[in-house]
PDB file of all heavy atoms in Angstrom:
ATOM      1  N   THR A   1     -10.463 -15.539  -0.701  1.00  0.00           N
ATOM      2  CA  THR A   1     -10.500 -14.578   0.405  1.00  0.00           C
ATOM      3  C   THR A   1      -9.087 -14.295   0.916  1.00  0.00           C
ATOM      4  O   THR A   1      -8.703 -13.136   1.115  1.00  0.00           O
ATOM      5  CB  THR A   1     -11.359 -15.120   1.553  1.00  0.00           C
ATOM      6  OG1 THR A   1     -12.680 -15.363   1.072  1.00  0.00           O
ATOM      7  CG2 THR A   1     -11.427 -14.121   2.702  1.00  0.00           C
ATOM      8  N   GLU A   2      -8.293 -15.355   1.096  1.00  0.00           N
ATOM      9  CA  GLU A   2      -6.906 -15.190   1.540  1.00  0.00           C
ATOM     10  C   GLU A   2      -6.114 -14.367   0.528  1.00  0.00           C
ATOM     11  O   GLU A   2      -5.381 -13.439   0.893  1.00  0.00           O
ATOM     12  CB  GLU A   2      -6.245 -16.557   1.716  1.00  0.00           C
ATOM     13  CG  GLU A   2      -6.818 -17.397   2.832  1.00  0.00           C
ATOM     14  CD  GLU A   2      -6.217 -18.797   2.845  1.00  0.00           C
ATOM     15  OE1 GLU A   2      -5.543 -19.173   1.857  1.00  0.00           O
ATOM     16  OE2 GLU A   2      -6.417 -19.522   3.828  1.00  0.00           O
ATOM     17  N   GLY A   3      -6.253 -14.726  -0.766  1.00  0.00           N
ATOM     18  CA  GLY A   3      -5.497 -14.044  -1.807  1.00  0.00           C
ATOM     19  C   GLY A   3      -5.873 -12.587  -1.943  1.00  0.00           C
ATOM     20  O   GLY A   3      -5.004 -11.716  -2.135  1.00  0.00           O
ATOM     21  N   THR A   4      -7.168 -12.287  -1.841  1.00  0.00           N
ATOM     22  CA  THR A   4      -7.619 -10.901  -1.944  1.00  0.00           C
ATOM     23  C   THR A   4      -7.071 -10.066  -0.793  1.00  0.00           C
ATOM     24  O   THR A   4      -6.617  -8.922  -1.001  1.00  0.00           O
ATOM     25  CB  THR A   4      -9.156 -10.839  -1.948  1.00  0.00           C
ATOM     26  OG1 THR A   4      -9.660 -11.578  -3.067  1.00  0.00           O
ATOM     27  CG2 THR A   4      -9.637  -9.409  -2.036  1.00  0.00           C
ATOM     28  N   ALA A   5      -7.101 -10.606   0.411  1.00  0.00           N
ATOM     29  CA  ALA A   5      -6.584  -9.879   1.578  1.00  0.00           C
ATOM     30  C   ALA A   5      -5.102  -9.562   1.411  1.00  0.00           C
ATOM     31  O   ALA A   5      -4.659  -8.431   1.647  1.00  0.00           O
ATOM     32  CB  ALA A   5      -6.814 -10.701   2.840  1.00  0.00           C
ATOM     33  N   LEU A   6      -4.325 -10.572   0.993  1.00  0.00           N
ATOM     34  CA  LEU A   6      -2.884 -10.357   0.798  1.00  0.00           C
ATOM     35  C   LEU A   6      -2.605  -9.358  -0.319  1.00  0.00           C
ATOM     36  O   LEU A   6      -1.737  -8.494  -0.198  1.00  0.00           O
ATOM     37  CB  LEU A   6      -2.202 -11.687   0.505  1.00  0.00           C
ATOM     38  CG  LEU A   6      -2.138 -12.697   1.648  1.00  0.00           C
ATOM     39  CD1 LEU A   6      -1.605 -14.032   1.149  1.00  0.00           C
ATOM     40  CD2 LEU A   6      -1.256 -12.164   2.784  1.00  0.00           C
ATOM     41  N   SER A   7      -3.376  -9.467  -1.410  1.00  0.00           N
ATOM     42  CA  SER A   7      -3.177  -8.552  -2.541  1.00  0.00           C
ATOM     43  C   SER A   7      -3.517  -7.118  -2.167  1.00  0.00           C
ATOM     44  O   SER A   7      -2.814  -6.172  -2.581  1.00  0.00           O
ATOM     45  CB  SER A   7      -4.041  -9.007  -3.730  1.00  0.00           C
ATOM     46  OG  SER A   7      -3.627 -10.273  -4.193  1.00  0.00           O
ATOM     47  N   MET A   8      -4.578  -6.912  -1.399  1.00  0.00           N
ATOM     48  CA  MET A   8      -4.954  -5.564  -0.986  1.00  0.00           C
ATOM     49  C   MET A   8      -3.889  -4.938  -0.083  1.00  0.00           C
ATOM     50  O   MET A   8      -3.546  -3.763  -0.226  1.00  0.00           O
ATOM     51  CB  MET A   8      -6.302  -5.605  -0.253  1.00  0.00           C
ATOM     52  CG  MET A   8      -7.482  -5.853  -1.166  1.00  0.00           C
ATOM     53  SD  MET A   8      -7.652  -4.607  -2.456  1.00  0.00           S
ATOM     54  CE  MET A   8      -7.925  -3.129  -1.469  1.00  0.00           C
ATOM     55  N   LEU A   9      -3.335  -5.721   0.824  1.00  0.00           N
ATOM     56  CA  LEU A   9      -2.290  -5.198   1.699  1.00  0.00           C
ATOM     57  C   LEU A   9      -1.051  -4.821   0.893  1.00  0.00           C
ATOM     58  O   LEU A   9      -0.419  -3.781   1.142  1.00  0.00           O
ATOM     59  CB  LEU A   9      -1.943  -6.234   2.771  1.00  0.00           C
ATOM     60  CG  LEU A   9      -3.007  -6.475   3.842  1.00  0.00           C
ATOM     61  CD1 LEU A   9      -2.609  -7.655   4.735  1.00  0.00           C
ATOM     62  CD2 LEU A   9      -3.220  -5.228   4.692  1.00  0.00           C
ATOM     63  N   LYS A  10      -0.708  -5.661  -0.096  1.00  0.00           N
ATOM     64  CA  LYS A  10       0.435  -5.346  -0.958  1.00  0.00           C
ATOM     65  C   LYS A  10       0.176  -4.112  -1.811  1.00  0.00           C
ATOM     66  O   LYS A  10       1.080  -3.281  -2.023  1.00  0.00           O
ATOM     67  CB  LYS A  10       0.746  -6.548  -1.861  1.00  0.00           C
ATOM     68  CG  LYS A  10       1.342  -7.737  -1.135  1.00  0.00           C
ATOM     69  CD  LYS A  10       1.589  -8.897  -2.082  1.00  0.00           C
ATOM     70  CE  LYS A  10       2.174 -10.100  -1.336  1.00  0.00           C
ATOM     71  NZ  LYS A  10       2.380 -11.261  -2.259  1.00  0.00           N
ATOM     72  N   LEU A  11      -1.060  -3.966  -2.289  1.00  0.00           N
ATOM     73  CA  LEU A  11      -1.425  -2.816  -3.115  1.00  0.00           C
ATOM     74  C   LEU A  11      -1.323  -1.529  -2.311  1.00  0.00           C
ATOM     75  O   LEU A  11      -0.800  -0.507  -2.800  1.00  0.00           O
ATOM     76  CB  LEU A  11      -2.844  -2.988  -3.650  1.00  0.00           C
ATOM     77  CG  LEU A  11      -3.402  -1.836  -4.499  1.00  0.00           C
ATOM     78  CD1 LEU A  11      -2.554  -1.649  -5.751  1.00  0.00           C
ATOM     79  CD2 LEU A  11      -4.851  -2.117  -4.889  1.00  0.00           C
ATOM     80  N   ILE A  12      -1.812  -1.565  -1.076  1.00  0.00           N
ATOM     81  CA  ILE A  12      -1.732  -0.382  -0.209  1.00  0.00           C
ATOM     82  C   ILE A  12      -0.265  -0.010   0.037  1.00  0.00           C
ATOM     83  O   ILE A  12       0.125   1.171  -0.048  1.00  0.00           O
ATOM     84  CB  ILE A  12      -2.461  -0.641   1.114  1.00  0.00           C
ATOM     85  CG1 ILE A  12      -3.966  -0.751   0.874  1.00  0.00           C
ATOM     86  CG2 ILE A  12      -2.176   0.481   2.119  1.00  0.00           C
ATOM     87  CD1 ILE A  12      -4.760  -1.224   2.072  1.00  0.00           C
ATOM     88  N   LYS A  13       0.551  -1.014   0.335  1.00  0.00           N
ATOM     89  CA  LYS A  13       1.969  -0.764   0.605  1.00  0.00           C
ATOM     90  C   LYS A  13       2.670  -0.176  -0.612  1.00  0.00           C
ATOM     91  O   LYS A  13       3.447   0.789  -0.499  1.00  0.00           O
ATOM     92  CB  LYS A  13       2.651  -2.058   1.031  1.00  0.00           C
ATOM     93  CG  LYS A  13       4.111  -1.878   1.403  1.00  0.00           C
ATOM     94  CD  LYS A  13       4.727  -3.193   1.875  1.00  0.00           C
ATOM     95  CE  LYS A  13       6.199  -3.000   2.249  1.00  0.00           C
ATOM     96  NZ  LYS A  13       6.815  -4.269   2.724  1.00  0.00           N
ATOM     97  N   GLN A  14       2.390  -0.752  -1.788  1.00  0.00           N
ATOM     98  CA  GLN A  14       3.023  -0.265  -3.007  1.00  0.00           C
ATOM     99  C   GLN A  14       2.578   1.159  -3.347  1.00  0.00           C
ATOM    100  O   GLN A  14       3.387   1.984  -3.781  1.00  0.00           O
ATOM    101  CB  GLN A  14       2.690  -1.201  -4.174  1.00  0.00           C
ATOM    102  CG  GLN A  14       3.457  -0.900  -5.458  1.00  0.00           C
ATOM    103  CD  GLN A  14       4.946  -1.014  -5.280  1.00  0.00           C
ATOM    104  OE1 GLN A  14       5.445  -2.000  -4.754  1.00  0.00           O
ATOM    105  NE2 GLN A  14       5.687   0.024  -5.699  1.00  0.00           N
ATOM    106  N   SER A  15       1.284   1.452  -3.132  1.00  0.00           N
ATOM    107  CA  SER A  15       0.774   2.791  -3.390  1.00  0.00           C
ATOM    108  C   SER A  15       1.440   3.825  -2.483  1.00  0.00           C
ATOM    109  O   SER A  15       1.739   4.946  -2.906  1.00  0.00           O
ATOM    110  CB  SER A  15      -0.737   2.830  -3.195  1.00  0.00           C
ATOM    111  OG  SER A  15      -1.391   1.968  -4.111  1.00  0.00           O
ATOM    112  N   ILE A  16       1.700   3.435  -1.249  1.00  0.00           N
ATOM    113  CA  ILE A  16       2.379   4.322  -0.299  1.00  0.00           C
ATOM    114  C   ILE A  16       3.814   4.583  -0.756  1.00  0.00           C
ATOM    115  O   ILE A  16       4.288   5.727  -0.761  1.00  0.00           O
ATOM    116  CB  ILE A  16       2.367   3.718   1.109  1.00  0.00           C
ATOM    117  CG1 ILE A  16       0.950   3.734   1.682  1.00  0.00           C
ATOM    118  CG2 ILE A  16       3.317   4.478   2.042  1.00  0.00           C
ATOM    119  CD1 ILE A  16       0.797   2.942   2.957  1.00  0.00           C
ATOM    120  N   MET A  17       4.509   3.521  -1.180  1.00  0.00           N
ATOM    121  CA  MET A  17       5.902   3.658  -1.611  1.00  0.00           C
ATOM    122  C   MET A  17       6.009   4.504  -2.870  1.00  0.00           C
ATOM    123  O   MET A  17       7.000   5.226  -3.077  1.00  0.00           O
ATOM    124  CB  MET A  17       6.517   2.282  -1.853  1.00  0.00           C
ATOM    125  CG  MET A  17       6.565   1.390  -0.611  1.00  0.00           C
ATOM    126  SD  MET A  17       7.442   2.144   0.793  1.00  0.00           S
ATOM    127  CE  MET A  17       9.102   2.234   0.117  1.00  0.00           C
ATOM    128  N   ASP A  18       4.972   4.432  -3.722  1.00  0.00           N
ATOM    129  CA  ASP A  18       4.983   5.223  -4.964  1.00  0.00           C
ATOM    130  C   ASP A  18       4.460   6.634  -4.775  1.00  0.00           C
ATOM    131  O   ASP A  18       4.482   7.437  -5.704  1.00  0.00           O
ATOM    132  CB  ASP A  18       4.127   4.517  -6.022  1.00  0.00           C
ATOM    133  CG  ASP A  18       4.730   3.191  -6.468  1.00  0.00           C
ATOM    134  OD1 ASP A  18       5.942   2.974  -6.235  1.00  0.00           O
ATOM    135  OD2 ASP A  18       3.986   2.366  -7.034  1.00  0.00           O
ATOM    136  N   GLY A  19       3.977   6.935  -3.576  1.00  0.00           N
ATOM    137  CA  GLY A  19       3.329   8.221  -3.340  1.00  0.00           C
ATOM    138  C   GLY A  19       4.258   9.344  -2.903  1.00  0.00           C
ATOM    139  O   GLY A  19       3.791  10.433  -2.566  1.00  0.00           O
ATOM    140  N   GLY A  20       5.551   9.070  -2.906  1.00  0.00           N
ATOM    141  CA  GLY A  20       6.495  10.108  -2.520  1.00  0.00           C
ATOM    142  C   GLY A  20       6.493  10.377  -1.033  1.00  0.00           C
ATOM    143  O   GLY A  20       5.921   9.626  -0.224  1.00  0.00           O
ATOM    144  N   LEU A  21       7.122  11.509  -0.672  1.00  0.00           N
ATOM    145  CA  LEU A  21       7.277  11.868   0.735  1.00  0.00           C
ATOM    146  C   LEU A  21       5.930  12.073   1.420  1.00  0.00           C
ATOM    147  O   LEU A  21       5.719  11.633   2.564  1.00  0.00           O
ATOM    148  CB  LEU A  21       8.141  13.120   0.868  1.00  0.00           C
ATOM    149  CG  LEU A  21       8.403  13.621   2.292  1.00  0.00           C
ATOM    150  CD1 LEU A  21       9.141  12.562   3.099  1.00  0.00           C
ATOM    151  CD2 LEU A  21       9.201  14.922   2.267  1.00  0.00           C
ATOM    152  N   GLY A  22       4.984  12.702   0.702  1.00  0.00           N
ATOM    153  CA  GLY A  22       3.679  12.954   1.296  1.00  0.00           C
ATOM    154  C   GLY A  22       2.943  11.668   1.631  1.00  0.00           C
ATOM    155  O   GLY A  22       2.342  11.539   2.708  1.00  0.00           O
ATOM    156  N   GLY A  23       3.028  10.713   0.728  1.00  0.00           N
ATOM    157  CA  GLY A  23       2.377   9.431   0.974  1.00  0.00           C
ATOM    158  C   GLY A  23       2.982   8.703   2.156  1.00  0.00           C
ATOM    159  O   GLY A  23       2.272   8.104   2.964  1.00  0.00           O
ATOM    160  N   LYS A  24       4.297   8.772   2.263  1.00  0.00           N
ATOM    161  CA  LYS A  24       4.977   8.079   3.367  1.00  0.00           C
ATOM    162  C   LYS A  24       4.675   8.736   4.702  1.00  0.00           C
ATOM    163  O   LYS A  24       4.500   8.059   5.723  1.00  0.00           O
ATOM    164  CB  LYS A  24       6.476   8.046   3.113  1.00  0.00           C
ATOM    165  CG  LYS A  24       6.858   7.178   1.923  1.00  0.00           C
ATOM    166  CD  LYS A  24       8.338   7.230   1.618  1.00  0.00           C
ATOM    167  CE  LYS A  24       8.664   6.391   0.375  1.00  0.00           C
ATOM    168  NZ  LYS A  24      10.094   6.472   0.019  1.00  0.00           N
ATOM    169  N   LEU A  25       4.588  10.074   4.706  1.00  0.00           N
ATOM    170  CA  LEU A  25       4.246  10.774   5.946  1.00  0.00           C
ATOM    171  C   LEU A  25       2.809  10.448   6.370  1.00  0.00           C
ATOM    172  O   LEU A  25       2.518  10.223   7.546  1.00  0.00           O
ATOM    173  CB  LEU A  25       4.409  12.284   5.763  1.00  0.00           C
ATOM    174  CG  LEU A  25       5.851  12.809   5.650  1.00  0.00           C
ATOM    175  CD1 LEU A  25       5.865  14.285   5.313  1.00  0.00           C
ATOM    176  CD2 LEU A  25       6.598  12.551   6.967  1.00  0.00           C
ATOM    177  N   GLY A  26       1.921  10.406   5.386  1.00  0.00           N
ATOM    178  CA  GLY A  26       0.537  10.051   5.688  1.00  0.00           C
ATOM    179  C   GLY A  26       0.419   8.639   6.211  1.00  0.00           C
ATOM    180  O   GLY A  26      -0.332   8.358   7.146  1.00  0.00           O
ATOM    181  N   ALA A  27       1.206   7.742   5.616  1.00  0.00           N
ATOM    182  CA  ALA A  27       1.182   6.355   6.059  1.00  0.00           C
ATOM    183  C   ALA A  27       1.702   6.223   7.483  1.00  0.00           C
ATOM    184  O   ALA A  27       1.191   5.412   8.267  1.00  0.00           O
ATOM    185  CB  ALA A  27       2.030   5.505   5.128  1.00  0.00           C
TER     186      ALA A  27
END
C-alpha cells in the first residue's frame, strides 16, 4: 500500500513534467 501510493504520486509528477507547457499549466 505504501509503495503503490508513492509510485502513483511519482507517476503523476513524471507525466506532468513530460506533458509540456500544457501539462504544467493544467497541473
